[in-house]
Amino acid sequence: MTVPSEIKAAGGGKGKGLFASEMIKKGSLVMSLNAGNVGIFKDGATWRKFVATLPRETACNFIEWCWIQEIIPEEGNEDDIRNGLTIFCAFDESSLMNAAWGYGEEAN
């Protein structure tokens, strides 16, 4: 995370959540793929093989911490392994970060 945050109960039976511990200026970067906290897989077979090595409960959590994203190559970074369709997995508290959409609430 690139902003001060804390993990605490989300309330309402939602489990744990990640909360900013101070106001965040609109447009601020809150997570970075350059912080060494994200695993990178370039194909589904490699990702599945890795998940299969994990204990069952860890594998279930790990799956929730992953997302697929297409990274557009930036000038000067054409050789970045993250370019193109990539599976990312968060290995820090950012795995608890989500949006408020779907609950009739606005992100705050």
C-alpha atoms as a PDB file:
ATOM      1  CA  MET A   1       0.000   0.000   0.000  1.00  0.00           C
ATOM      2  CA  THR A   2       1.206   3.491  -0.730  1.00  0.00           C
ATOM      3  CA  VAL A   3      -1.096   5.192   1.805  1.00  0.00           C
ATOM      4  CA  PRO A   4      -1.411   4.707   5.581  1.00  0.00           C
ATOM      5  CA  SER A   5      -3.939   1.973   6.268  1.00  0.00           C
ATOM      6  CA  GLU A   6      -5.112  -0.502   8.879  1.00  0.00           C
ATOM      7  CA  ILE A   7      -6.812  -3.886   8.872  1.00  0.00           C
ATOM      8  CA  LYS A   8      -9.863  -4.194  11.099  1.00  0.00           C
ATOM      9  CA  ALA A   9     -13.303  -5.789  11.283  1.00  0.00           C
ATOM     10  CA  ALA A  10     -15.504  -4.519   8.452  1.00  0.00           C
ATOM     11  CA  GLY A  11     -18.701  -4.985  10.496  1.00  0.00           C
ATOM     12  CA  GLY A  12     -22.023  -6.410   9.441  1.00  0.00           C
ATOM     13  CA  GLY A  13     -20.652  -9.944   9.169  1.00  0.00           C
ATOM     14  CA  LYS A  14     -18.305  -8.931   6.343  1.00  0.00           C
ATOM     15  CA  GLY A  15     -15.058 -10.119   7.980  1.00  0.00           C
ATOM     16  CA  LYS A  16     -11.820  -8.144   7.809  1.00  0.00           C
ATOM     17  CA  GLY A  17     -11.342  -5.072   5.678  1.00  0.00           C
ATOM     18  CA  LEU A  18      -8.659  -2.595   4.741  1.00  0.00           C
ATOM     19  CA  PHE A  19      -9.323   0.976   5.818  1.00  0.00           C
ATOM     20  CA  ALA A  20      -7.385   4.175   5.191  1.00  0.00           C
ATOM     21  CA  SER A  21      -6.048   5.551   8.470  1.00  0.00           C
ATOM     22  CA  GLU A  22      -6.074   9.104   7.118  1.00  0.00           C
ATOM     23  CA  MET A  23      -7.791  10.989   4.315  1.00  0.00           C
ATOM     24  CA  ILE A  24      -6.669  10.131   0.788  1.00  0.00           C
ATOM     25  CA  LYS A  25      -6.485  12.925  -1.746  1.00  0.00           C
ATOM     26  CA  LYS A  26      -8.606  12.227  -4.841  1.00  0.00           C
ATOM     27  CA  GLY A  27      -6.467  10.740  -7.602  1.00  0.00           C
ATOM     28  CA  SER A  28      -3.777   9.455  -5.215  1.00  0.00           C
ATOM     29  CA  LEU A  29      -2.051   6.170  -5.963  1.00  0.00           C
ATOM     30  CA  VAL A  30      -3.080   3.710  -3.241  1.00  0.00           C
ATOM     31  CA  MET A  31      -1.435   0.539  -4.565  1.00  0.00           C
ATOM     32  CA  SER A  32       1.538  -0.023  -6.815  1.00  0.00           C
ATOM     33  CA  LEU A  33       2.511  -3.013  -8.920  1.00  0.00           C
ATOM     34  CA  ASN A  34       6.125  -1.893  -8.464  1.00  0.00           C
ATOM     35  CA  ALA A  35       6.349  -2.428  -4.694  1.00  0.00           C
ATOM     36  CA  GLY A  36       7.423  -6.083  -4.773  1.00  0.00           C
ATOM     37  CA  ASN A  37       4.140  -7.181  -3.212  1.00  0.00           C
ATOM     38  CA  VAL A  38       2.514  -8.741  -6.283  1.00  0.00           C
ATOM     39  CA  GLY A  39       3.042 -12.171  -7.806  1.00  0.00           C
ATOM     40  CA  ILE A  40       2.946 -12.368 -11.602  1.00  0.00           C
ATOM     41  CA  PHE A  41       1.844 -15.288 -13.772  1.00  0.00           C
ATOM     42  CA  LYS A  42       1.767 -15.043 -17.550  1.00  0.00           C
ATOM     43  CA  ASP A  43      -0.399 -18.096 -18.215  1.00  0.00           C
ATOM     44  CA  GLY A  44      -3.170 -19.993 -16.482  1.00  0.00           C
ATOM     45  CA  ALA A  45      -1.353 -23.341 -16.487  1.00  0.00           C
ATOM     46  CA  THR A  46       1.559 -21.972 -14.446  1.00  0.00           C
ATOM     47  CA  TRP A  47      -0.841 -20.267 -12.039  1.00  0.00           C
ATOM     48  CA  ARG A  48      -2.892 -23.470 -11.567  1.00  0.00           C
ATOM     49  CA  LYS A  49       0.272 -25.536 -11.024  1.00  0.00           C
ATOM     50  CA  PHE A  50       1.371 -23.116  -8.292  1.00  0.00           C
ATOM     51  CA  VAL A  51      -2.068 -23.079  -6.615  1.00  0.00           C
ATOM     52  CA  ALA A  52      -2.056 -26.895  -6.554  1.00  0.00           C
ATOM     53  CA  THR A  53       1.101 -26.842  -4.384  1.00  0.00           C
ATOM     54  CA  LEU A  54      -0.565 -24.806  -1.643  1.00  0.00           C
ATOM     55  CA  PRO A  55      -2.440 -26.205   1.356  1.00  0.00           C
ATOM     56  CA  ARG A  56      -6.201 -26.167   0.677  1.00  0.00           C
ATOM     57  CA  GLU A  57      -7.113 -23.172   2.889  1.00  0.00           C
ATOM     58  CA  THR A  58      -4.150 -21.147   1.644  1.00  0.00           C
ATOM     59  CA  ALA A  59      -5.098 -21.971  -1.967  1.00  0.00           C
ATOM     60  CA  CYS A  60      -8.655 -20.738  -1.376  1.00  0.00           C
ATOM     61  CA  ASN A  61      -7.363 -17.451   0.056  1.00  0.00           C
ATOM     62  CA  PHE A  62      -4.756 -17.119  -2.675  1.00  0.00           C
ATOM     63  CA  ILE A  63      -7.407 -17.449  -5.405  1.00  0.00           C
ATOM     64  CA  GLU A  64      -9.304 -14.530  -3.851  1.00  0.00           C
ATOM     65  CA  TRP A  65      -6.145 -12.403  -3.886  1.00  0.00           C
ATOM     66  CA  CYS A  66      -5.629 -12.763  -7.659  1.00  0.00           C
ATOM     67  CA  TRP A  67      -6.941 -10.816 -10.611  1.00  0.00           C
ATOM     68  CA  ILE A  68      -6.394 -10.688 -14.365  1.00  0.00           C
ATOM     69  CA  GLN A  69      -5.388  -7.406 -15.938  1.00  0.00           C
ATOM     70  CA  GLU A  70      -4.156  -6.323 -19.333  1.00  0.00           C
ATOM     71  CA  ILE A  71      -1.219  -3.943 -19.045  1.00  0.00           C
ATOM     72  CA  ILE A  72      -0.605  -1.703 -22.031  1.00  0.00           C
ATOM     73  CA  PRO A  73       3.151  -1.388 -22.712  1.00  0.00           C
ATOM     74  CA  GLU A  74       4.520   2.053 -21.946  1.00  0.00           C
ATOM     75  CA  GLU A  75       7.233   3.684 -24.007  1.00  0.00           C
ATOM     76  CA  GLY A  76      10.587   2.555 -22.652  1.00  0.00           C
ATOM     77  CA  ASN A  77       9.034  -0.419 -20.847  1.00  0.00           C
ATOM     78  CA  GLU A  78       8.223  -2.628 -23.817  1.00  0.00           C
ATOM     79  CA  ASP A  79      10.091  -5.577 -22.237  1.00  0.00           C
ATOM     80  CA  ASP A  80       8.239  -5.469 -18.890  1.00  0.00           C
ATOM     81  CA  ILE A  81       7.017  -8.995 -18.046  1.00  0.00           C
ATOM     82  CA  ARG A  82       3.719  -7.507 -16.833  1.00  0.00           C
ATOM     83  CA  ASN A  83       2.814  -6.226 -20.304  1.00  0.00           C
ATOM     84  CA  GLY A  84      -0.197  -7.836 -21.930  1.00  0.00           C
ATOM     85  CA  LEU A  85      -2.698 -10.141 -20.266  1.00  0.00           C
ATOM     86  CA  THR A  86      -1.305 -11.055 -16.843  1.00  0.00           C
ATOM     87  CA  ILE A  87      -2.485 -12.802 -13.681  1.00  0.00           C
ATOM     88  CA  PHE A  88      -1.544 -10.761 -10.605  1.00  0.00           C
ATOM     89  CA  CYS A  89      -1.713 -11.938  -6.977  1.00  0.00           C
ATOM     90  CA  ALA A  90      -1.443  -9.558  -4.021  1.00  0.00           C
ATOM     91  CA  PHE A  91       0.820 -10.726  -1.199  1.00  0.00           C
ATOM     92  CA  ASP A  92       0.095  -7.912   1.244  1.00  0.00           C
ATOM     93  CA  GLU A  93      -2.830  -6.127   2.862  1.00  0.00           C
ATOM     94  CA  SER A  94      -3.966  -4.823  -0.536  1.00  0.00           C
ATOM     95  CA  SER A  95      -5.643  -8.221  -0.964  1.00  0.00           C
ATOM     96  CA  LEU A  96      -8.328  -6.871   1.399  1.00  0.00           C
ATOM     97  CA  MET A  97      -8.980  -3.803  -0.767  1.00  0.00           C
ATOM     98  CA  ASN A  98     -12.195  -3.630  -2.737  1.00  0.00           C
ATOM     99  CA  ALA A  99     -14.787  -1.185  -3.961  1.00  0.00           C
ATOM    100  CA  ALA A 100     -18.095  -0.466  -2.247  1.00  0.00           C
ATOM    101  CA  TRP A 101     -20.102  -1.097  -5.423  1.00  0.00           C
ATOM    102  CA  GLY A 102     -22.783  -3.734  -5.183  1.00  0.00           C
ATOM    103  CA  TYR A 103     -23.737  -2.875  -1.615  1.00  0.00           C
ATOM    104  CA  GLY A 104     -25.664   0.326  -2.339  1.00  0.00           C
ATOM    105  CA  GLU A 105     -22.772   2.329  -0.921  1.00  0.00           C
ATOM    106  CA  GLU A 106     -20.274   4.710  -2.425  1.00  0.00           C
ATOM    107  CA  ALA A 107     -16.563   4.229  -1.944  1.00  0.00           C
ATOM    108  CA  ASN A 108     -15.284   6.568   0.761  1.00  0.00           C
END
